[in-house]
Amino acid sequence: MMCDVGDEIPPWTMPRVLPERMRTMAAILRDPYPVHWDRRVVSAMGLGDRTINQGPLGLSYMINMLHAWAGHESIKRLTMTFPLPVFENDQVIARGLVTAIRQEKGLTYADCDIWLERGNDRPLEGAATVLTRN
């Protein structure tokens, strides 16, 4: 895969964040935080009446985007912040932009800004280093 600085990474869309997936992930992770399955808790926190997606699920959308673009063994570094919650039934789109191309030990890497988009919000923001194949 060849890319240049300024290239957009093809977006990856999660058409609807499903509460059933959140409950399943809470069980798998043994996550006791009730915001992922109890709307009353979310409401009591003043955040509305929809459950909140787990951070690892939101991160997986970003990883899906990078894998679809560069392959399943391409991600070499990933950092992420979670400035806003993602709620059940949200539609989110993983997006990214190549910010630098560099060589290291004979390999070519793309440094990328990545984010999760919900309307005009960015509930997840981060950076990735991806091995490119020339």
N, C-alpha and C. Protein backbone atom coordinates (compact mmCIF):
# COMPACT_ATOMS: atom_id res chain seq x y z
N MET A 1 0.85 -1.18 0.00
CA MET A 1 0.00 0.00 0.00
C MET A 1 0.89 1.23 0.00
N MET A 2 0.64 2.10 -0.92
CA MET A 2 1.37 3.36 -0.97
C MET A 2 0.44 4.47 -0.52
N CYS A 3 1.01 5.41 0.21
CA CYS A 3 0.21 6.56 0.64
C CYS A 3 1.12 7.77 0.75
N ASP A 4 0.51 8.92 0.82
CA ASP A 4 1.24 10.19 0.92
C ASP A 4 0.68 11.01 2.06
N VAL A 5 1.49 11.93 2.54
CA VAL A 5 1.03 12.87 3.56
C VAL A 5 -0.20 13.60 3.02
N GLY A 6 -1.22 13.70 3.84
CA GLY A 6 -2.46 14.35 3.44
C GLY A 6 -3.52 13.41 2.94
N ASP A 7 -3.15 12.16 2.67
CA ASP A 7 -4.15 11.18 2.24
C ASP A 7 -5.15 10.89 3.36
N GLU A 8 -6.40 10.78 2.97
CA GLU A 8 -7.43 10.36 3.92
C GLU A 8 -7.50 8.84 3.95
N ILE A 9 -7.64 8.30 5.13
CA ILE A 9 -7.85 6.87 5.29
C ILE A 9 -9.32 6.60 4.96
N PRO A 10 -9.62 5.58 4.17
CA PRO A 10 -11.04 5.31 3.89
C PRO A 10 -11.83 5.12 5.20
N PRO A 11 -12.95 5.81 5.34
CA PRO A 11 -13.71 5.75 6.59
C PRO A 11 -14.33 4.37 6.81
N TRP A 12 -14.59 4.08 8.07
CA TRP A 12 -15.27 2.84 8.48
C TRP A 12 -16.45 3.26 9.34
N THR A 13 -17.66 2.80 8.99
CA THR A 13 -18.88 3.25 9.65
C THR A 13 -19.49 2.16 10.53
N MET A 14 -19.85 2.56 11.75
CA MET A 14 -20.70 1.74 12.61
C MET A 14 -22.08 2.40 12.54
N PRO A 15 -23.00 1.80 11.76
CA PRO A 15 -24.29 2.46 11.52
C PRO A 15 -25.12 2.67 12.78
N ARG A 16 -24.94 1.79 13.77
CA ARG A 16 -25.74 1.92 14.99
C ARG A 16 -25.04 1.17 16.11
N VAL A 17 -24.69 1.89 17.17
CA VAL A 17 -24.07 1.27 18.35
C VAL A 17 -25.19 0.57 19.12
N LEU A 18 -25.11 -0.74 19.19
CA LEU A 18 -26.19 -1.53 19.77
C LEU A 18 -26.00 -1.78 21.27
N PRO A 19 -27.04 -1.55 22.06
CA PRO A 19 -26.93 -1.79 23.51
C PRO A 19 -26.67 -3.26 23.84
N GLU A 20 -27.15 -4.17 23.00
CA GLU A 20 -26.91 -5.60 23.24
C GLU A 20 -25.41 -5.91 23.20
N ARG A 21 -24.70 -5.26 22.29
CA ARG A 21 -23.24 -5.47 22.20
C ARG A 21 -22.55 -4.92 23.44
N MET A 22 -23.06 -3.80 23.96
CA MET A 22 -22.47 -3.23 25.18
C MET A 22 -22.64 -4.18 26.35
N ARG A 23 -23.81 -4.76 26.49
CA ARG A 23 -24.05 -5.71 27.59
C ARG A 23 -23.14 -6.93 27.44
N THR A 24 -23.01 -7.44 26.23
CA THR A 24 -22.13 -8.58 25.99
C THR A 24 -20.69 -8.23 26.32
N MET A 25 -20.22 -7.07 25.87
CA MET A 25 -18.85 -6.66 26.15
C MET A 25 -18.63 -6.45 27.65
N ALA A 26 -19.62 -5.91 28.35
CA ALA A 26 -19.50 -5.74 29.80
C ALA A 26 -19.31 -7.10 30.47
N ALA A 27 -20.03 -8.10 30.01
CA ALA A 27 -19.89 -9.45 30.58
C ALA A 27 -18.51 -10.03 30.25
N ILE A 28 -18.07 -9.88 29.01
CA ILE A 28 -16.76 -10.42 28.61
C ILE A 28 -15.64 -9.75 29.40
N LEU A 29 -15.71 -8.44 29.55
CA LEU A 29 -14.67 -7.69 30.24
C LEU A 29 -14.81 -7.73 31.76
N ARG A 30 -15.93 -8.31 32.21
CA ARG A 30 -16.25 -8.29 33.65
C ARG A 30 -16.26 -6.85 34.16
N ASP A 31 -16.85 -6.00 33.36
CA ASP A 31 -16.91 -4.57 33.63
C ASP A 31 -18.12 -4.27 34.52
N PRO A 32 -17.88 -3.89 35.76
CA PRO A 32 -19.01 -3.67 36.67
C PRO A 32 -19.67 -2.29 36.54
N TYR A 33 -19.17 -1.43 35.66
CA TYR A 33 -19.68 -0.07 35.57
C TYR A 33 -21.06 -0.08 34.91
N PRO A 34 -22.12 0.26 35.63
CA PRO A 34 -23.48 0.09 35.12
C PRO A 34 -23.90 1.05 33.99
N VAL A 35 -23.07 2.04 33.65
CA VAL A 35 -23.45 2.95 32.56
C VAL A 35 -23.55 2.22 31.22
N HIS A 36 -22.99 0.99 31.16
CA HIS A 36 -23.01 0.24 29.91
C HIS A 36 -24.27 -0.60 29.75
N TRP A 37 -25.09 -0.70 30.78
CA TRP A 37 -26.32 -1.51 30.66
C TRP A 37 -27.52 -0.94 31.42
N ASP A 38 -27.33 0.08 32.26
CA ASP A 38 -28.44 0.60 33.07
C ASP A 38 -28.68 2.08 32.74
N ARG A 39 -29.75 2.33 32.00
CA ARG A 39 -30.08 3.70 31.59
C ARG A 39 -30.36 4.62 32.78
N ARG A 40 -30.88 4.04 33.86
CA ARG A 40 -31.18 4.86 35.05
C ARG A 40 -29.92 5.47 35.64
N VAL A 41 -28.83 4.73 35.62
CA VAL A 41 -27.57 5.24 36.14
C VAL A 41 -27.06 6.38 35.27
N VAL A 42 -27.15 6.21 33.96
CA VAL A 42 -26.72 7.25 33.03
C VAL A 42 -27.56 8.51 33.24
N SER A 43 -28.85 8.33 33.39
CA SER A 43 -29.75 9.46 33.62
C SER A 43 -29.42 10.18 34.93
N ALA A 44 -29.15 9.43 35.99
CA ALA A 44 -28.81 10.02 37.29
C ALA A 44 -27.51 10.83 37.21
N MET A 45 -26.65 10.49 36.27
CA MET A 45 -25.40 11.24 36.07
C MET A 45 -25.62 12.49 35.23
N GLY A 46 -26.85 12.69 34.73
CA GLY A 46 -27.15 13.85 33.91
C GLY A 46 -26.69 13.74 32.47
N LEU A 47 -26.52 12.49 31.99
CA LEU A 47 -26.02 12.27 30.64
C LEU A 47 -27.08 11.75 29.68
N GLY A 48 -28.34 11.89 30.03
CA GLY A 48 -29.41 11.45 29.14
C GLY A 48 -29.93 10.08 29.52
N ASP A 49 -30.61 9.44 28.57
CA ASP A 49 -31.27 8.17 28.88
C ASP A 49 -30.78 7.01 28.00
N ARG A 50 -29.56 7.14 27.45
CA ARG A 50 -29.01 6.06 26.64
C ARG A 50 -27.73 5.55 27.28
N THR A 51 -27.53 4.25 27.23
CA THR A 51 -26.32 3.67 27.82
C THR A 51 -25.08 4.12 27.04
N ILE A 52 -23.93 3.98 27.70
CA ILE A 52 -22.66 4.47 27.16
C ILE A 52 -21.82 3.30 26.68
N ASN A 53 -21.31 3.43 25.48
CA ASN A 53 -20.45 2.42 24.86
C ASN A 53 -19.12 2.32 25.61
N GLN A 54 -18.58 1.11 25.72
CA GLN A 54 -17.28 0.93 26.34
C GLN A 54 -16.19 1.51 25.44
N GLY A 55 -15.15 2.02 26.08
CA GLY A 55 -14.00 2.52 25.34
C GLY A 55 -13.41 1.50 24.39
N PRO A 56 -13.21 0.23 24.82
CA PRO A 56 -12.64 -0.76 23.90
C PRO A 56 -13.49 -0.99 22.65
N LEU A 57 -14.81 -0.85 22.75
CA LEU A 57 -15.64 -1.00 21.55
C LEU A 57 -15.41 0.15 20.59
N GLY A 58 -15.35 1.37 21.11
CA GLY A 58 -15.06 2.52 20.26
C GLY A 58 -13.68 2.40 19.62
N LEU A 59 -12.71 1.94 20.40
CA LEU A 59 -11.37 1.72 19.87
C LEU A 59 -11.38 0.67 18.77
N SER A 60 -12.22 -0.34 18.91
CA SER A 60 -12.28 -1.39 17.88
C SER A 60 -12.76 -0.84 16.54
N TYR A 61 -13.58 0.19 16.54
CA TYR A 61 -14.02 0.79 15.28
C TYR A 61 -12.82 1.41 14.56
N MET A 62 -11.93 2.05 15.35
CA MET A 62 -10.73 2.65 14.78
C MET A 62 -9.81 1.56 14.21
N ILE A 63 -9.67 0.48 14.96
CA ILE A 63 -8.83 -0.63 14.51
C ILE A 63 -9.41 -1.26 13.24
N ASN A 64 -10.72 -1.41 13.18
CA ASN A 64 -11.36 -1.93 11.96
C ASN A 64 -11.01 -1.07 10.75
N MET A 65 -11.04 0.24 10.93
CA MET A 65 -10.71 1.15 9.83
C MET A 65 -9.27 0.94 9.38
N LEU A 66 -8.34 0.89 10.34
CA LEU A 66 -6.92 0.73 9.99
C LEU A 66 -6.65 -0.62 9.36
N HIS A 67 -7.28 -1.67 9.87
CA HIS A 67 -7.10 -3.01 9.28
C HIS A 67 -7.63 -3.05 7.85
N ALA A 68 -8.80 -2.46 7.62
CA ALA A 68 -9.37 -2.47 6.26
C ALA A 68 -8.47 -1.71 5.29
N TRP A 69 -7.80 -0.70 5.78
CA TRP A 69 -6.96 0.14 4.93
C TRP A 69 -5.58 -0.47 4.68
N ALA A 70 -4.95 -0.95 5.77
CA ALA A 70 -3.53 -1.32 5.67
C ALA A 70 -3.23 -2.79 5.98
N GLY A 71 -4.23 -3.54 6.40
CA GLY A 71 -4.00 -4.96 6.69
C GLY A 71 -3.97 -5.26 8.18
N HIS A 72 -4.16 -6.52 8.49
CA HIS A 72 -4.33 -6.93 9.89
C HIS A 72 -3.05 -6.93 10.71
N GLU A 73 -1.90 -6.84 10.09
CA GLU A 73 -0.65 -6.82 10.83
C GLU A 73 0.05 -5.47 10.73
N SER A 74 -0.68 -4.45 10.35
CA SER A 74 -0.07 -3.16 10.03
C SER A 74 0.08 -2.21 11.21
N ILE A 75 -0.75 -2.31 12.22
CA ILE A 75 -0.74 -1.33 13.31
C ILE A 75 0.47 -1.59 14.21
N LYS A 76 1.31 -0.57 14.34
CA LYS A 76 2.51 -0.70 15.16
C LYS A 76 2.44 0.14 16.44
N ARG A 77 1.67 1.21 16.42
CA ARG A 77 1.49 2.04 17.61
C ARG A 77 0.12 2.68 17.52
N LEU A 78 -0.53 2.80 18.68
CA LEU A 78 -1.87 3.38 18.72
C LEU A 78 -2.04 4.09 20.05
N THR A 79 -2.42 5.35 20.00
CA THR A 79 -2.75 6.09 21.21
C THR A 79 -4.14 6.69 21.01
N MET A 80 -4.90 6.78 22.09
CA MET A 80 -6.28 7.23 21.96
C MET A 80 -6.69 8.00 23.21
N THR A 81 -7.48 9.04 23.00
CA THR A 81 -8.16 9.73 24.09
C THR A 81 -9.66 9.60 23.86
N PHE A 82 -10.41 9.72 24.92
CA PHE A 82 -11.86 9.53 24.89
C PHE A 82 -12.55 10.77 25.47
N PRO A 83 -12.54 11.90 24.72
CA PRO A 83 -13.08 13.15 25.28
C PRO A 83 -14.59 13.17 25.48
N LEU A 84 -15.35 12.37 24.74
CA LEU A 84 -16.81 12.37 24.84
C LEU A 84 -17.32 10.93 24.83
N PRO A 85 -18.44 10.68 25.51
CA PRO A 85 -19.00 9.32 25.44
C PRO A 85 -19.68 9.05 24.10
N VAL A 86 -19.70 7.78 23.74
CA VAL A 86 -20.48 7.29 22.61
C VAL A 86 -21.68 6.57 23.21
N PHE A 87 -22.88 6.87 22.74
CA PHE A 87 -24.11 6.34 23.33
C PHE A 87 -24.74 5.27 22.44
N GLU A 88 -25.57 4.47 23.06
CA GLU A 88 -26.33 3.48 22.29
C GLU A 88 -27.11 4.19 21.18
N ASN A 89 -27.21 3.53 20.07
CA ASN A 89 -27.91 3.99 18.87
C ASN A 89 -27.21 5.10 18.11
N ASP A 90 -26.04 5.56 18.58
CA ASP A 90 -25.27 6.53 17.81
C ASP A 90 -24.78 5.89 16.52
N GLN A 91 -24.69 6.70 15.47
CA GLN A 91 -23.96 6.30 14.28
C GLN A 91 -22.62 7.00 14.37
N VAL A 92 -21.53 6.23 14.25
CA VAL A 92 -20.20 6.81 14.32
C VAL A 92 -19.38 6.37 13.12
N ILE A 93 -18.45 7.23 12.73
CA ILE A 93 -17.60 6.95 11.58
C ILE A 93 -16.14 7.13 12.01
N ALA A 94 -15.35 6.08 11.81
CA ALA A 94 -13.92 6.16 12.06
C ALA A 94 -13.26 6.80 10.85
N ARG A 95 -12.42 7.79 11.10
CA ARG A 95 -11.75 8.52 10.03
C ARG A 95 -10.28 8.71 10.39
N GLY A 96 -9.48 9.01 9.37
CA GLY A 96 -8.08 9.26 9.63
C GLY A 96 -7.41 10.00 8.49
N LEU A 97 -6.22 10.53 8.81
CA LEU A 97 -5.46 11.33 7.86
C LEU A 97 -3.98 11.02 8.05
N VAL A 98 -3.27 10.77 6.96
CA VAL A 98 -1.83 10.52 7.02
C VAL A 98 -1.13 11.85 7.27
N THR A 99 -0.33 11.91 8.35
CA THR A 99 0.36 13.15 8.71
C THR A 99 1.85 13.12 8.42
N ALA A 100 2.43 11.92 8.30
CA ALA A 100 3.86 11.80 8.01
C ALA A 100 4.15 10.42 7.44
N ILE A 101 5.15 10.36 6.59
CA ILE A 101 5.68 9.10 6.07
C ILE A 101 7.14 9.07 6.48
N ARG A 102 7.59 7.93 7.05
CA ARG A 102 8.98 7.86 7.47
C ARG A 102 9.54 6.46 7.25
N GLN A 103 10.85 6.43 7.12
CA GLN A 103 11.59 5.19 6.93
C GLN A 103 12.30 4.85 8.24
N GLU A 104 12.29 3.57 8.55
CA GLU A 104 13.01 3.11 9.73
C GLU A 104 13.44 1.66 9.50
N LYS A 105 14.74 1.44 9.52
CA LYS A 105 15.30 0.10 9.33
C LYS A 105 14.77 -0.57 8.05
N GLY A 106 14.69 0.21 6.98
CA GLY A 106 14.27 -0.34 5.70
C GLY A 106 12.78 -0.52 5.53
N LEU A 107 12.00 -0.12 6.52
CA LEU A 107 10.53 -0.23 6.43
C LEU A 107 9.92 1.16 6.35
N THR A 108 8.75 1.25 5.74
CA THR A 108 8.06 2.53 5.59
C THR A 108 6.84 2.54 6.51
N TYR A 109 6.74 3.63 7.27
CA TYR A 109 5.63 3.79 8.21
C TYR A 109 4.85 5.06 7.88
N ALA A 110 3.55 4.99 8.11
CA ALA A 110 2.69 6.17 8.01
C ALA A 110 2.22 6.53 9.41
N ASP A 111 2.46 7.77 9.80
CA ASP A 111 1.89 8.29 11.04
C ASP A 111 0.57 8.96 10.68
N CYS A 112 -0.44 8.70 11.47
CA CYS A 112 -1.80 9.13 11.13
C CYS A 112 -2.50 9.74 12.34
N ASP A 113 -3.26 10.78 12.09
CA ASP A 113 -4.25 11.23 13.07
C ASP A 113 -5.51 10.43 12.79
N ILE A 114 -6.14 9.93 13.85
CA ILE A 114 -7.37 9.15 13.69
C ILE A 114 -8.41 9.67 14.68
N TRP A 115 -9.68 9.52 14.31
CA TRP A 115 -10.75 9.98 15.19
C TRP A 115 -12.04 9.26 14.86
N LEU A 116 -12.94 9.31 15.82
CA LEU A 116 -14.29 8.78 15.63
C LEU A 116 -15.21 9.99 15.55
N GLU A 117 -16.03 10.01 14.53
CA GLU A 117 -16.90 11.15 14.26
C GLU A 117 -18.35 10.80 14.53
N ARG A 118 -19.04 11.69 15.22
CA ARG A 118 -20.49 11.57 15.41
C ARG A 118 -21.06 12.96 15.14
N GLY A 119 -21.60 13.14 13.95
CA GLY A 119 -22.04 14.49 13.56
C GLY A 119 -20.84 15.42 13.56
N ASN A 120 -20.93 16.50 14.35
CA ASN A 120 -19.82 17.45 14.45
C ASN A 120 -18.89 17.15 15.62
N ASP A 121 -19.16 16.09 16.38
CA ASP A 121 -18.35 15.73 17.55
C ASP A 121 -17.29 14.72 17.20
N ARG A 122 -16.26 14.70 18.02
CA ARG A 122 -15.20 13.68 17.92
C ARG A 122 -15.06 13.01 19.29
N PRO A 123 -15.87 11.97 19.54
CA PRO A 123 -15.80 11.33 20.85
C PRO A 123 -14.51 10.56 21.13
N LEU A 124 -13.78 10.17 20.10
CA LEU A 124 -12.47 9.54 20.26
C LEU A 124 -11.50 10.23 19.32
N GLU A 125 -10.29 10.47 19.82
CA GLU A 125 -9.23 11.07 19.01
C GLU A 125 -7.93 10.41 19.35
N GLY A 126 -7.08 10.24 18.35
CA GLY A 126 -5.80 9.62 18.64
C GLY A 126 -4.84 9.67 17.48
N ALA A 127 -3.84 8.79 17.58
CA ALA A 127 -2.80 8.70 16.56
C ALA A 127 -2.42 7.25 16.38
N ALA A 128 -1.97 6.92 15.18
CA ALA A 128 -1.55 5.56 14.88
C ALA A 128 -0.31 5.62 14.00
N THR A 129 0.53 4.62 14.19
CA THR A 129 1.64 4.37 13.28
C THR A 129 1.34 3.05 12.60
N VAL A 130 1.37 3.08 11.26
CA VAL A 130 0.98 1.93 10.47
C VAL A 130 2.11 1.56 9.51
N LEU A 131 2.44 0.30 9.45
CA LEU A 131 3.42 -0.20 8.50
C LEU A 131 2.76 -0.24 7.13
N THR A 132 3.41 0.43 6.16
CA THR A 132 2.87 0.40 4.80
C THR A 132 3.65 -0.62 4.00
N ARG A 133 3.05 -1.09 2.95
CA ARG A 133 3.69 -2.09 2.09
C ARG A 133 3.91 -1.45 0.72
N ASN A 134 5.15 -1.28 0.34
CA ASN A 134 5.46 -0.65 -0.96
C ASN A 134 5.83 -1.69 -1.98
